[in-house]
PDB file of N, CA and C in Angstrom:
ATOM      1  N   MET A   1       0.813  -1.168   0.000  1.00  0.00           N
ATOM      2  CA  MET A   1       0.000   0.000   0.000  1.00  0.00           C
ATOM      3  C   MET A   1       0.870   1.250   0.000  1.00  0.00           C
ATOM      4  N   GLY A   2       1.975   1.191   0.743  1.00  0.00           N
ATOM      5  CA  GLY A   2       2.883   2.329   0.774  1.00  0.00           C
ATOM      6  C   GLY A   2       3.396   2.678  -0.609  1.00  0.00           C
ATOM      7  N   PHE A   3       3.734   1.658  -1.385  1.00  0.00           N
ATOM      8  CA  PHE A   3       4.220   1.903  -2.742  1.00  0.00           C
ATOM      9  C   PHE A   3       3.138   2.574  -3.584  1.00  0.00           C
ATOM     10  N   ALA A   4       1.903   2.148  -3.424  1.00  0.00           N
ATOM     11  CA  ALA A   4       0.806   2.749  -4.192  1.00  0.00           C
ATOM     12  C   ALA A   4       0.674   4.235  -3.871  1.00  0.00           C
ATOM     13  N   PHE A   5       0.768   4.586  -2.595  1.00  0.00           N
ATOM     14  CA  PHE A   5       0.706   5.999  -2.217  1.00  0.00           C
ATOM     15  C   PHE A   5       1.872   6.776  -2.829  1.00  0.00           C
ATOM     16  N   LEU A   6       3.060   6.164  -2.792  1.00  0.00           N
ATOM     17  CA  LEU A   6       4.229   6.827  -3.356  1.00  0.00           C
ATOM     18  C   LEU A   6       4.098   7.008  -4.868  1.00  0.00           C
ATOM     19  N   ALA A   7       3.716   5.940  -5.539  1.00  0.00           N
ATOM     20  CA  ALA A   7       3.715   5.935  -7.000  1.00  0.00           C
ATOM     21  C   ALA A   7       2.547   6.694  -7.609  1.00  0.00           C
ATOM     22  N   TYR A   8       1.387   6.562  -7.042  1.00  0.00           N
ATOM     23  CA  TYR A   8       0.194   7.103  -7.706  1.00  0.00           C
ATOM     24  C   TYR A   8      -0.391   8.347  -7.049  1.00  0.00           C
ATOM     25  N   LEU A   9      -0.083   8.561  -5.801  1.00  0.00           N
ATOM     26  CA  LEU A   9      -0.660   9.705  -5.103  1.00  0.00           C
ATOM     27  C   LEU A   9       0.401  10.715  -4.669  1.00  0.00           C
ATOM     28  N   HIS A  10       1.628  10.477  -5.115  1.00  0.00           N
ATOM     29  CA  HIS A  10       2.756  11.354  -4.809  1.00  0.00           C
ATOM     30  C   HIS A  10       2.948  11.541  -3.296  1.00  0.00           C
ATOM     31  N   GLY A  11       2.758  10.459  -2.573  1.00  0.00           N
ATOM     32  CA  GLY A  11       2.950  10.476  -1.129  1.00  0.00           C
ATOM     33  C   GLY A  11       4.422  10.455  -0.787  1.00  0.00           C
ATOM     34  N   ARG A  12       4.721  10.483   0.485  1.00  0.00           N
ATOM     35  CA  ARG A  12       6.096  10.376   0.945  1.00  0.00           C
ATOM     36  C   ARG A  12       6.134   9.468   2.164  1.00  0.00           C
ATOM     37  N   LEU A  13       7.237   8.772   2.306  1.00  0.00           N
ATOM     38  CA  LEU A  13       7.408   7.876   3.437  1.00  0.00           C
ATOM     39  C   LEU A  13       7.950   8.648   4.632  1.00  0.00           C
ATOM     40  N   ARG A  14       7.378   8.416   5.781  1.00  0.00           N
ATOM     41  CA  ARG A  14       7.860   8.980   7.032  1.00  0.00           C
ATOM     42  C   ARG A  14       7.796   7.888   8.090  1.00  0.00           C
ATOM     43  N   SER A  15       8.720   7.932   9.003  1.00  0.00           N
ATOM     44  CA  SER A  15       8.684   6.928  10.071  1.00  0.00           C
ATOM     45  C   SER A  15       7.517   7.234  10.998  1.00  0.00           C
ATOM     46  N   GLY A  16       6.950   6.183  11.532  1.00  0.00           N
ATOM     47  CA  GLY A  16       5.820   6.339  12.441  1.00  0.00           C
ATOM     48  C   GLY A  16       6.176   7.157  13.662  1.00  0.00           C
ATOM     49  N   ILE A  17       7.363   6.912  14.235  1.00  0.00           N
ATOM     50  CA  ILE A  17       7.745   7.656  15.427  1.00  0.00           C
ATOM     51  C   ILE A  17       7.913   9.129  15.110  1.00  0.00           C
ATOM     52  N   GLN A  18       8.405   9.454  13.923  1.00  0.00           N
ATOM     53  CA  GLN A  18       8.575  10.866  13.568  1.00  0.00           C
ATOM     54  C   GLN A  18       7.230  11.578  13.480  1.00  0.00           C
ATOM     55  N   ILE A  19       6.244  10.887  12.960  1.00  0.00           N
ATOM     56  CA  ILE A  19       4.892  11.460  12.885  1.00  0.00           C
ATOM     57  C   ILE A  19       4.364  11.731  14.297  1.00  0.00           C
ATOM     58  N   VAL A  20       4.559  10.778  15.192  1.00  0.00           N
ATOM     59  CA  VAL A  20       4.102  10.948  16.575  1.00  0.00           C
ATOM     60  C   VAL A  20       4.854  12.087  17.253  1.00  0.00           C
ATOM     61  N   LEU A  21       6.177  12.112  17.125  1.00  0.00           N
ATOM     62  CA  LEU A  21       6.968  13.161  17.769  1.00  0.00           C
ATOM     63  C   LEU A  21       6.560  14.543  17.275  1.00  0.00           C
ATOM     64  N   ASP A  22       6.310  14.647  15.983  1.00  0.00           N
ATOM     65  CA  ASP A  22       5.873  15.924  15.414  1.00  0.00           C
ATOM     66  C   ASP A  22       4.481  16.300  15.924  1.00  0.00           C
ATOM     67  N   SER A  23       3.585  15.329  15.973  1.00  0.00           N
ATOM     68  CA  SER A  23       2.202  15.644  16.353  1.00  0.00           C
ATOM     69  C   SER A  23       2.085  16.040  17.826  1.00  0.00           C
ATOM     70  N   ILE A  24       2.930  15.483  18.689  1.00  0.00           N
ATOM     71  CA  ILE A  24       2.877  15.866  20.104  1.00  0.00           C
ATOM     72  C   ILE A  24       3.857  17.001  20.427  1.00  0.00           C
ATOM     73  N   ARG A  25       4.562  17.455  19.425  1.00  0.00           N
ATOM     74  CA  ARG A  25       5.516  18.568  19.547  1.00  0.00           C
ATOM     75  C   ARG A  25       6.518  18.328  20.676  1.00  0.00           C
ATOM     76  N   LEU A  26       7.091  17.130  20.666  1.00  0.00           N
ATOM     77  CA  LEU A  26       8.041  16.770  21.716  1.00  0.00           C
ATOM     78  C   LEU A  26       9.282  17.651  21.678  1.00  0.00           C
ATOM     79  N   ALA A  27       9.692  18.092  20.510  1.00  0.00           N
ATOM     80  CA  ALA A  27      10.885  18.938  20.409  1.00  0.00           C
ATOM     81  C   ALA A  27      10.756  20.174  21.289  1.00  0.00           C
ATOM     82  N   GLU A  28       9.574  20.748  21.336  1.00  0.00           N
ATOM     83  CA  GLU A  28       9.358  21.933  22.186  1.00  0.00           C
ATOM     84  C   GLU A  28       9.547  21.595  23.660  1.00  0.00           C
ATOM     85  N   ALA A  29       9.138  20.405  24.039  1.00  0.00           N
ATOM     86  CA  ALA A  29       9.208  20.005  25.448  1.00  0.00           C
ATOM     87  C   ALA A  29      10.627  19.662  25.884  1.00  0.00           C
ATOM     88  N   VAL A  30      11.456  19.173  24.981  1.00  0.00           N
ATOM     89  CA  VAL A  30      12.791  18.709  25.382  1.00  0.00           C
ATOM     90  C   VAL A  30      13.909  19.691  25.069  1.00  0.00           C
ATOM     91  N   GLN A  31      13.608  20.774  24.392  1.00  0.00           N
ATOM     92  CA  GLN A  31      14.689  21.657  23.942  1.00  0.00           C
ATOM     93  C   GLN A  31      15.531  22.237  25.078  1.00  0.00           C
ATOM     94  N   ASP A  32      14.979  22.371  26.269  1.00  0.00           N
ATOM     95  CA  ASP A  32      15.748  22.893  27.405  1.00  0.00           C
ATOM     96  C   ASP A  32      15.988  21.837  28.483  1.00  0.00           C
ATOM     97  N   ALA A  33      15.699  20.581  28.166  1.00  0.00           N
ATOM     98  CA  ALA A  33      15.824  19.511  29.162  1.00  0.00           C
ATOM     99  C   ALA A  33      17.277  19.066  29.327  1.00  0.00           C
ATOM    100  N   ASP A  34      17.641  18.745  30.540  1.00  0.00           N
ATOM    101  CA  ASP A  34      18.935  18.128  30.809  1.00  0.00           C
ATOM    102  C   ASP A  34      18.837  16.614  30.656  1.00  0.00           C
ATOM    103  N   TYR A  35      17.670  16.072  31.047  1.00  0.00           N
ATOM    104  CA  TYR A  35      17.420  14.636  30.978  1.00  0.00           C
ATOM    105  C   TYR A  35      16.072  14.395  30.322  1.00  0.00           C
ATOM    106  N   VAL A  36      16.005  13.340  29.544  1.00  0.00           N
ATOM    107  CA  VAL A  36      14.746  12.901  28.951  1.00  0.00           C
ATOM    108  C   VAL A  36      14.565  11.442  29.338  1.00  0.00           C
ATOM    109  N   ILE A  37      13.394  11.129  29.871  1.00  0.00           N
ATOM    110  CA  ILE A  37      13.078   9.764  30.263  1.00  0.00           C
ATOM    111  C   ILE A  37      12.128   9.186  29.236  1.00  0.00           C
ATOM    112  N   THR A  38      12.450   8.005  28.744  1.00  0.00           N
ATOM    113  CA  THR A  38      11.588   7.314  27.799  1.00  0.00           C
ATOM    114  C   THR A  38      11.396   5.888  28.302  1.00  0.00           C
ATOM    115  N   GLY A  39      10.580   5.127  27.638  1.00  0.00           N
ATOM    116  CA  GLY A  39      10.355   3.776  28.126  1.00  0.00           C
ATOM    117  C   GLY A  39       9.760   2.850  27.096  1.00  0.00           C
ATOM    118  N   GLU A  40       9.722   1.583  27.475  1.00  0.00           N
ATOM    119  CA  GLU A  40       9.241   0.529  26.592  1.00  0.00           C
ATOM    120  C   GLU A  40       8.936  -0.675  27.476  1.00  0.00           C
ATOM    121  N   GLY A  41       8.026  -1.494  27.043  1.00  0.00           N
ATOM    122  CA  GLY A  41       7.714  -2.701  27.800  1.00  0.00           C
ATOM    123  C   GLY A  41       8.914  -3.612  27.925  1.00  0.00           C
ATOM    124  N   SER A  42       9.580  -3.837  26.798  1.00  0.00           N
ATOM    125  CA  SER A  42      10.778  -4.670  26.777  1.00  0.00           C
ATOM    126  C   SER A  42      11.828  -3.971  25.929  1.00  0.00           C
ATOM    127  N   LEU A  43      12.957  -3.686  26.514  1.00  0.00           N
ATOM    128  CA  LEU A  43      14.042  -3.010  25.796  1.00  0.00           C
ATOM    129  C   LEU A  43      14.999  -4.078  25.298  1.00  0.00           C
ATOM    130  N   ASP A  44      15.205  -4.126  23.977  1.00  0.00           N
ATOM    131  CA  ASP A  44      16.038  -5.163  23.379  1.00  0.00           C
ATOM    132  C   ASP A  44      16.646  -4.654  22.074  1.00  0.00           C
ATOM    133  N   ALA A  45      17.315  -5.519  21.350  1.00  0.00           N
ATOM    134  CA  ALA A  45      17.954  -5.116  20.096  1.00  0.00           C
ATOM    135  C   ALA A  45      16.935  -4.624  19.079  1.00  0.00           C
ATOM    136  N   GLN A  46      15.736  -5.153  19.128  1.00  0.00           N
ATOM    137  CA  GLN A  46      14.691  -4.693  18.211  1.00  0.00           C
ATOM    138  C   GLN A  46      14.337  -3.233  18.496  1.00  0.00           C
ATOM    139  N   THR A  47      14.368  -2.844  19.756  1.00  0.00           N
ATOM    140  CA  THR A  47      14.137  -1.448  20.122  1.00  0.00           C
ATOM    141  C   THR A  47      15.164  -0.562  19.426  1.00  0.00           C
ATOM    142  N   ALA A  48      16.420  -1.017  19.410  1.00  0.00           N
ATOM    143  CA  ALA A  48      17.512  -0.239  18.818  1.00  0.00           C
ATOM    144  C   ALA A  48      17.349  -0.038  17.317  1.00  0.00           C
ATOM    145  N   MET A  49      16.465  -0.792  16.705  1.00  0.00           N
ATOM    146  CA  MET A  49      16.265  -0.695  15.260  1.00  0.00           C
ATOM    147  C   MET A  49      15.280   0.417  14.891  1.00  0.00           C
ATOM    148  N   GLY A  50      14.922   1.260  15.845  1.00  0.00           N
ATOM    149  CA  GLY A  50      14.127   2.427  15.502  1.00  0.00           C
ATOM    150  C   GLY A  50      12.768   2.531  16.159  1.00  0.00           C
ATOM    151  N   LYS A  51      12.538   1.778  17.214  1.00  0.00           N
ATOM    152  CA  LYS A  51      11.263   1.902  17.908  1.00  0.00           C
ATOM    153  C   LYS A  51      11.205   3.229  18.666  1.00  0.00           C
ATOM    154  N   ALA A  52      10.077   3.506  19.276  1.00  0.00           N
ATOM    155  CA  ALA A  52       9.807   4.813  19.883  1.00  0.00           C
ATOM    156  C   ALA A  52      10.920   5.338  20.795  1.00  0.00           C
ATOM    157  N   PRO A  53      11.470   4.537  21.726  1.00  0.00           N
ATOM    158  CA  PRO A  53      12.509   5.103  22.600  1.00  0.00           C
ATOM    159  C   PRO A  53      13.725   5.645  21.831  1.00  0.00           C
ATOM    160  N   ILE A  54      14.042   5.025  20.712  1.00  0.00           N
ATOM    161  CA  ILE A  54      15.180   5.501  19.919  1.00  0.00           C
ATOM    162  C   ILE A  54      14.826   6.804  19.222  1.00  0.00           C
ATOM    163  N   GLY A  55      13.604   6.917  18.742  1.00  0.00           N
ATOM    164  CA  GLY A  55      13.161   8.174  18.150  1.00  0.00           C
ATOM    165  C   GLY A  55      13.212   9.300  19.160  1.00  0.00           C
ATOM    166  N   VAL A  56      12.766   9.024  20.372  1.00  0.00           N
ATOM    167  CA  VAL A  56      12.821  10.014  21.445  1.00  0.00           C
ATOM    168  C   VAL A  56      14.278  10.360  21.752  1.00  0.00           C
ATOM    169  N   ALA A  57      15.138   9.348  21.831  1.00  0.00           N
ATOM    170  CA  ALA A  57      16.552   9.573  22.141  1.00  0.00           C
ATOM    171  C   ALA A  57      17.229  10.426  21.080  1.00  0.00           C
ATOM    172  N   LYS A  58      16.991  10.136  19.831  1.00  0.00           N
ATOM    173  CA  LYS A  58      17.615  10.903  18.744  1.00  0.00           C
ATOM    174  C   LYS A  58      17.177  12.361  18.794  1.00  0.00           C
ATOM    175  N   LEU A  59      15.909  12.591  19.082  1.00  0.00           N
ATOM    176  CA  LEU A  59      15.422  13.956  19.208  1.00  0.00           C
ATOM    177  C   LEU A  59      16.079  14.651  20.400  1.00  0.00           C
ATOM    178  N   ALA A  60      16.122  13.975  21.541  1.00  0.00           N
ATOM    179  CA  ALA A  60      16.708  14.559  22.747  1.00  0.00           C
ATOM    180  C   ALA A  60      18.182  14.904  22.532  1.00  0.00           C
ATOM    181  N   LYS A  61      18.892  14.064  21.815  1.00  0.00           N
ATOM    182  CA  LYS A  61      20.317  14.293  21.556  1.00  0.00           C
ATOM    183  C   LYS A  61      20.539  15.552  20.720  1.00  0.00           C
ATOM    184  N   GLN A  62      19.581  15.906  19.887  1.00  0.00           N
ATOM    185  CA  GLN A  62      19.699  17.140  19.097  1.00  0.00           C
ATOM    186  C   GLN A  62      19.800  18.359  20.000  1.00  0.00           C
ATOM    187  N   TYR A  63      19.272  18.250  21.214  1.00  0.00           N
ATOM    188  CA  TYR A  63      19.279  19.351  22.173  1.00  0.00           C
ATOM    189  C   TYR A  63      20.268  19.123  23.317  1.00  0.00           C
ATOM    190  N   GLY A  64      21.077  18.081  23.209  1.00  0.00           N
ATOM    191  CA  GLY A  64      22.110  17.822  24.204  1.00  0.00           C
ATOM    192  C   GLY A  64      21.643  17.178  25.489  1.00  0.00           C
ATOM    193  N   ALA A  65      20.465  16.612  25.507  1.00  0.00           N
ATOM    194  CA  ALA A  65      19.944  15.984  26.720  1.00  0.00           C
ATOM    195  C   ALA A  65      20.495  14.570  26.896  1.00  0.00           C
ATOM    196  N   LYS A  66      20.627  14.166  28.126  1.00  0.00           N
ATOM    197  CA  LYS A  66      20.942  12.773  28.460  1.00  0.00           C
ATOM    198  C   LYS A  66      19.630  12.003  28.409  1.00  0.00           C
ATOM    199  N   VAL A  67      19.695  10.750  27.950  1.00  0.00           N
ATOM    200  CA  VAL A  67      18.476   9.952  27.777  1.00  0.00           C
ATOM    201  C   VAL A  67      18.542   8.704  28.643  1.00  0.00           C
ATOM    202  N   ILE A  68      17.504   8.531  29.437  1.00  0.00           N
ATOM    203  CA  ILE A  68      17.377   7.365  30.312  1.00  0.00           C
ATOM    204  C   ILE A  68      16.110   6.625  29.899  1.00  0.00           C
ATOM    205  N   ALA A  69      16.224   5.324  29.758  1.00  0.00           N
ATOM    206  CA  ALA A  69      15.059   4.501  29.414  1.00  0.00           C
ATOM    207  C   ALA A  69      14.707   3.605  30.592  1.00  0.00           C
ATOM    208  N   LEU A  70      13.414   3.504  30.857  1.00  0.00           N
ATOM    209  CA  LEU A  70      12.893   2.572  31.856  1.00  0.00           C
ATOM    210  C   LEU A  70      12.068   1.541  31.104  1.00  0.00           C
ATOM    211  N   ALA A  71      12.208   0.284  31.489  1.00  0.00           N
ATOM    212  CA  ALA A  71      11.512  -0.782  30.776  1.00  0.00           C
ATOM    213  C   ALA A  71      11.031  -1.842  31.750  1.00  0.00           C
ATOM    214  N   GLY A  72       9.982  -2.527  31.335  1.00  0.00           N
ATOM    215  CA  GLY A  72       9.496  -3.639  32.134  1.00  0.00           C
ATOM    216  C   GLY A  72      10.552  -4.716  32.261  1.00  0.00           C
ATOM    217  N   CYS A  73      11.257  -4.951  31.171  1.00  0.00           N
ATOM    218  CA  CYS A  73      12.383  -5.882  31.209  1.00  0.00           C
ATOM    219  C   CYS A  73      13.408  -5.434  30.178  1.00  0.00           C
ATOM    220  N   THR A  74      14.627  -5.864  30.374  1.00  0.00           N
ATOM    221  CA  THR A  74      15.693  -5.602  29.421  1.00  0.00           C
ATOM    222  C   THR A  74      16.354  -6.932  29.087  1.00  0.00           C
ATOM    223  N   THR A  75      16.820  -7.042  27.867  1.00  0.00           N
ATOM    224  CA  THR A  75      17.479  -8.271  27.440  1.00  0.00           C
ATOM    225  C   THR A  75      18.977  -8.030  27.303  1.00  0.00           C
ATOM    226  N   ALA A  76      19.728  -9.098  27.144  1.00  0.00           N
ATOM    227  CA  ALA A  76      21.185  -8.985  27.028  1.00  0.00           C
ATOM    228  C   ALA A  76      21.590  -8.118  25.839  1.00  0.00           C
ATOM    229  N   ASP A  77      20.803  -8.139  24.781  1.00  0.00           N
ATOM    230  CA  ASP A  77      21.157  -7.359  23.594  1.00  0.00           C
ATOM    231  C   ASP A  77      20.630  -5.925  23.632  1.00  0.00           C
ATOM    232  N   ALA A  78      20.038  -5.515  24.747  1.00  0.00           N
ATOM    233  CA  ALA A  78      19.524  -4.149  24.877  1.00  0.00           C
ATOM    234  C   ALA A  78      20.646  -3.115  24.840  1.00  0.00           C
ATOM    235  N   ALA A  79      21.883  -3.537  25.078  1.00  0.00           N
ATOM    236  CA  ALA A  79      23.015  -2.608  25.025  1.00  0.00           C
ATOM    237  C   ALA A  79      23.134  -1.946  23.655  1.00  0.00           C
ATOM    238  N   GLU A  80      22.537  -2.525  22.641  1.00  0.00           N
ATOM    239  CA  GLU A  80      22.504  -1.887  21.325  1.00  0.00           C
ATOM    240  C   GLU A  80      21.832  -0.518  21.403  1.00  0.00           C
ATOM    241  N   CYS A  81      20.911  -0.365  22.337  1.00  0.00           N
ATOM    242  CA  CYS A  81      20.215   0.915  22.510  1.00  0.00           C
ATOM    243  C   CYS A  81      21.188   2.010  22.928  1.00  0.00           C
ATOM    244  N   ASN A  82      22.265   1.647  23.644  1.00  0.00           N
ATOM    245  CA  ASN A  82      23.270   2.636  24.033  1.00  0.00           C
ATOM    246  C   ASN A  82      23.961   3.230  22.811  1.00  0.00           C
ATOM    247  N   HIS A  83      24.067   2.444  21.758  1.00  0.00           N
ATOM    248  CA  HIS A  83      24.704   2.928  20.527  1.00  0.00           C
ATOM    249  C   HIS A  83      23.764   3.786  19.699  1.00  0.00           C
ATOM    250  N   GLN A  84      22.492   3.817  20.073  1.00  0.00           N
ATOM    251  CA  GLN A  84      21.490   4.561  19.313  1.00  0.00           C
ATOM    252  C   GLN A  84      20.969   5.783  20.069  1.00  0.00           C
ATOM    253  N   GLY A  85      21.642   6.172  21.151  1.00  0.00           N
ATOM    254  CA  GLY A  85      21.279   7.413  21.822  1.00  0.00           C
ATOM    255  C   GLY A  85      20.760   7.294  23.241  1.00  0.00           C
ATOM    256  N   ILE A  86      20.479   6.097  23.704  1.00  0.00           N
ATOM    257  CA  ILE A  86      20.037   5.930  25.089  1.00  0.00           C
ATOM    258  C   ILE A  86      21.288   5.798  25.959  1.00  0.00           C
ATOM    259  N   ASP A  87      21.453   6.747  26.874  1.00  0.00           N
ATOM    260  CA  ASP A  87      22.663   6.762  27.693  1.00  0.00           C
ATOM    261  C   ASP A  87      22.671   5.651  28.734  1.00  0.00           C
ATOM    262  N   SER A  88      21.509   5.366  29.301  1.00  0.00           N
ATOM    263  CA  SER A  88      21.414   4.348  30.330  1.00  0.00           C
ATOM    264  C   SER A  88      19.993   3.823  30.375  1.00  0.00           C
ATOM    265  N   PHE A  89      19.849   2.560  30.733  1.00  0.00           N
ATOM    266  CA  PHE A  89      18.509   1.984  30.830  1.00  0.00           C
ATOM    267  C   PHE A  89      18.403   1.113  32.072  1.00  0.00           C
ATOM    268  N   PHE A  90      17.174   0.991  32.551  1.00  0.00           N
ATOM    269  CA  PHE A  90      16.909   0.249  33.779  1.00  0.00           C
ATOM    270  C   PHE A  90      15.628  -0.552  33.631  1.00  0.00           C
ATOM    271  N   SER A  91      15.644  -1.753  34.166  1.00  0.00           N
ATOM    272  CA  SER A  91      14.430  -2.544  34.272  1.00  0.00           C
ATOM    273  C   SER A  91      13.713  -2.126  35.550  1.00  0.00           C
ATOM    274  N   ILE A  92      12.406  -1.974  35.476  1.00  0.00           N
ATOM    275  CA  ILE A  92      11.663  -1.546  36.667  1.00  0.00           C
ATOM    276  C   ILE A  92      11.258  -2.714  37.554  1.00  0.00           C
ATOM    277  N   VAL A  93      11.346  -3.915  37.062  1.00  0.00           N
ATOM    278  CA  VAL A  93      10.926  -5.075  37.857  1.00  0.00           C
ATOM    279  C   VAL A  93      12.005  -5.360  38.891  1.00  0.00           C
ATOM    280  N   ASP A  94      11.615  -5.353  40.145  1.00  0.00           N
ATOM    281  CA  ASP A  94      12.594  -5.434  41.235  1.00  0.00           C
ATOM    282  C   ASP A  94      12.815  -6.833  41.799  1.00  0.00           C
ATOM    283  N   LYS A  95      12.056  -7.799  41.308  1.00  0.00           N
ATOM    284  CA  LYS A  95      12.233  -9.178  41.768  1.00  0.00           C
ATOM    285  C   LYS A  95      11.589 -10.105  40.738  1.00  0.00           C
ATOM    286  N   ALA A  96      11.900 -11.373  40.825  1.00  0.00           N
ATOM    287  CA  ALA A  96      11.276 -12.335  39.931  1.00  0.00           C
ATOM    288  C   ALA A  96       9.783 -12.385  40.222  1.00  0.00           C
ATOM    289  N   MET A  97       8.982 -12.279  39.167  1.00  0.00           N
ATOM    290  CA  MET A  97       7.528 -12.335  39.335  1.00  0.00           C
ATOM    291  C   MET A  97       6.903 -12.766  38.021  1.00  0.00           C
ATOM    292  N   PRO A  98       5.739 -13.361  38.084  1.00  0.00           N
ATOM    293  CA  PRO A  98       5.040 -13.735  36.852  1.00  0.00           C
ATOM    294  C   PRO A  98       4.682 -12.477  36.043  1.00  0.00           C
ATOM    295  N   LEU A  99       4.619 -12.623  34.733  1.00  0.00           N
ATOM    296  CA  LEU A  99       4.288 -11.500  33.859  1.00  0.00           C
ATOM    297  C   LEU A  99       2.970 -10.862  34.260  1.00  0.00           C
ATOM    298  N   GLU A 100       2.000 -11.668  34.604  1.00  0.00           N
ATOM    299  CA  GLU A 100       0.692 -11.137  35.006  1.00  0.00           C
ATOM    300  C   GLU A 100       0.825 -10.191  36.199  1.00  0.00           C
ATOM    301  N   GLU A 101       1.656 -10.560  37.162  1.00  0.00           N
ATOM    302  CA  GLU A 101       1.866  -9.695  38.327  1.00  0.00           C
ATOM    303  C   GLU A 101       2.610  -8.427  37.929  1.00  0.00           C
ATOM    304  N   ALA A 102       3.640  -8.561  37.103  1.00  0.00           N
ATOM    305  CA  ALA A 102       4.416  -7.399  36.673  1.00  0.00           C
ATOM    306  C   ALA A 102       3.561  -6.397  35.905  1.00  0.00           C
ATOM    307  N   MET A 103       2.565  -6.895  35.170  1.00  0.00           N
ATOM    308  CA  MET A 103       1.717  -6.017  34.372  1.00  0.00           C
ATOM    309  C   MET A 103       0.498  -5.508  35.131  1.00  0.00           C
ATOM    310  N   ASN A 104       0.322  -5.956  36.351  1.00  0.00           N
ATOM    311  CA  ASN A 104      -0.757  -5.446  37.181  1.00  0.00           C
ATOM    312  C   ASN A 104      -0.536  -3.948  37.370  1.00  0.00           C
ATOM    313  N   LYS A 105      -1.578  -3.159  37.214  1.00  0.00           N
ATOM    314  CA  LYS A 105      -1.455  -1.695  37.242  1.00  0.00           C
ATOM    315  C   LYS A 105      -0.780  -1.186  38.516  1.00  0.00           C
ATOM    316  N   GLU A 106      -1.194  -1.675  39.658  1.00  0.00           N
ATOM    317  CA  GLU A 106      -0.621  -1.207  40.928  1.00  0.00           C
ATOM    318  C   GLU A 106       0.848  -1.626  41.061  1.00  0.00           C
ATOM    319  N   THR A 107       1.148  -2.851  40.669  1.00  0.00           N
ATOM    320  CA  THR A 107       2.529  -3.336  40.737  1.00  0.00           C
ATOM    321  C   THR A 107       3.415  -2.537  39.798  1.00  0.00           C
ATOM    322  N   ALA A 108       2.949  -2.337  38.571  1.00  0.00           N
ATOM    323  CA  ALA A 108       3.737  -1.590  37.587  1.00  0.00           C
ATOM    324  C   ALA A 108       3.970  -0.156  38.051  1.00  0.00           C
ATOM    325  N   LEU A 109       2.949   0.479  38.604  1.00  0.00           N
ATOM    326  CA  LEU A 109       3.099   1.846  39.101  1.00  0.00           C
ATOM    327  C   LEU A 109       4.102   1.904  40.244  1.00  0.00           C
ATOM    328  N   ARG A 110       4.007   0.969  41.165  1.00  0.00           N
ATOM    329  CA  ARG A 110       4.957   0.929  42.280  1.00  0.00           C
ATOM    330  C   ARG A 110       6.378   0.718  41.769  1.00  0.00           C
ATOM    331  N   ASN A 111       6.551  -0.237  40.861  1.00  0.00           N
ATOM    332  CA  ASN A 111       7.885  -0.515  40.323  1.00  0.00           C
ATOM    333  C   ASN A 111       8.445   0.685  39.552  1.00  0.00           C
ATOM    334  N   MET A 112       7.598   1.328  38.757  1.00  0.00           N
ATOM    335  CA  MET A 112       8.039   2.493  37.992  1.00  0.00           C
ATOM    336  C   MET A 112       8.427   3.625  38.936  1.00  0.00           C
ATOM    337  N   THR A 113       7.613   3.867  39.932  1.00  0.00           N
ATOM    338  CA  THR A 113       7.884   4.941  40.894  1.00  0.00           C
ATOM    339  C   THR A 113       9.187   4.687  41.647  1.00  0.00           C
ATOM    340  N   ASN A 114       9.364   3.471  42.128  1.00  0.00           N
ATOM    341  CA  ASN A 114      10.576   3.136  42.876  1.00  0.00           C
ATOM    342  C   ASN A 114      11.827   3.273  42.014  1.00  0.00           C
ATOM    343  N   THR A 115      11.757   2.786  40.793  1.00  0.00           N
ATOM    344  CA  THR A 115      12.922   2.863  39.903  1.00  0.00           C
ATOM    345  C   THR A 115      13.225   4.303  39.535  1.00  0.00           C
ATOM    346  N   ALA A 116      12.212   5.066  39.191  1.00  0.00           N
ATOM    347  CA  ALA A 116      12.420   6.473  38.845  1.00  0.00           C
ATOM    348  C   ALA A 116      13.021   7.232  40.027  1.00  0.00           C
ATOM    349  N   GLN A 117      12.548   6.949  41.230  1.00  0.00           N
ATOM    350  CA  GLN A 117      13.099   7.615  42.421  1.00  0.00           C
ATOM    351  C   GLN A 117      14.586   7.329  42.553  1.00  0.00           C
ATOM    352  N   GLN A 118      14.975   6.087  42.353  1.00  0.00           N
ATOM    353  CA  GLN A 118      16.387   5.729  42.477  1.00  0.00           C
ATOM    354  C   GLN A 118      17.230   6.358  41.363  1.00  0.00           C
ATOM    355  N   VAL A 119      16.689   6.425  40.161  1.00  0.00           N
ATOM    356  CA  VAL A 119      17.402   7.079  39.048  1.00  0.00           C
ATOM    357  C   VAL A 119      17.653   8.540  39.400  1.00  0.00           C
ATOM    358  N   PHE A 120      16.641   9.224  39.893  1.00  0.00           N
ATOM    359  CA  PHE A 120      16.813  10.639  40.221  1.00  0.00           C
ATOM    360  C   PHE A 120      17.668  10.836  41.473  1.00  0.00           C
ATOM    361  N   ASN A 121      17.667   9.888  42.394  1.00  0.00           N
ATOM    362  CA  ASN A 121      18.601   9.944  43.518  1.00  0.00           C
ATOM    363  C   ASN A 121      20.035   9.889  43.005  1.00  0.00           C
ATOM    364  N   LEU A 122      20.285   9.039  42.036  1.00  0.00           N
ATOM    365  CA  LEU A 122      21.618   8.925  41.439  1.00  0.00           C
ATOM    366  C   LEU A 122      22.009  10.226  40.739  1.00  0.00           C
ATOM    367  N   ILE A 123      21.092  10.777  39.951  1.00  0.00           N
ATOM    368  CA  ILE A 123      21.385  12.037  39.262  1.00  0.00           C
ATOM    369  C   ILE A 123      21.729  13.129  40.269  1.00  0.00           C
ATOM    370  N   ARG A 124      20.944  13.218  41.319  1.00  0.00           N
ATOM    371  CA  ARG A 124      21.188  14.230  42.353  1.00  0.00           C
ATOM    372  C   ARG A 124      22.559  13.984  43.022  1.00  0.00           C
ATOM    373  N   ALA A 125      22.906  12.735  43.254  1.00  0.00           N
ATOM    374  CA  ALA A 125      24.165  12.409  43.937  1.00  0.00           C
ATOM    375  C   ALA A 125      25.390  12.775  43.102  1.00  0.00           C
ATOM    376  N   VAL A 126      25.299  12.673  41.801  1.00  0.00           N
ATOM    377  CA  VAL A 126      26.468  12.945  40.959  1.00  0.00           C
ATOM    378  C   VAL A 126      26.479  14.363  40.398  1.00  0.00           C
ATOM    379  N   SER A 127      25.433  15.111  40.660  1.00  0.00           N
ATOM    380  CA  SER A 127      25.375  16.490  40.138  1.00  0.00           C
ATOM    381  C   SER A 127      26.047  17.473  41.062  1.00  0.00           C
TER     382      SER A 127
END
């Protein structure tokens, strides 16, 4: 279908994340930021191939911001994300638990809050 739009309707290809970033005007929000926090359910090598956190990271880097990613889980190959603009990433799950428990709204909120607090404690400690 994309080819049909290109060939017959004089369309143009744009990445999905770029459309989202433009529509929410994220550039305006991050232009003066020191840190940008992004996230994903699972951070892995596939993320590094251009999923939303990488789009956010590339935009943030244009303004000199450090980028931190929080994820439900991270895989061994998630380090590829460091090569694509994410300075550091953290899994929010603090102990072994079934996926159903990790995705429970209250559990996820608690885990996200606790991890974010520790990330900002670290930033404050080294600043």
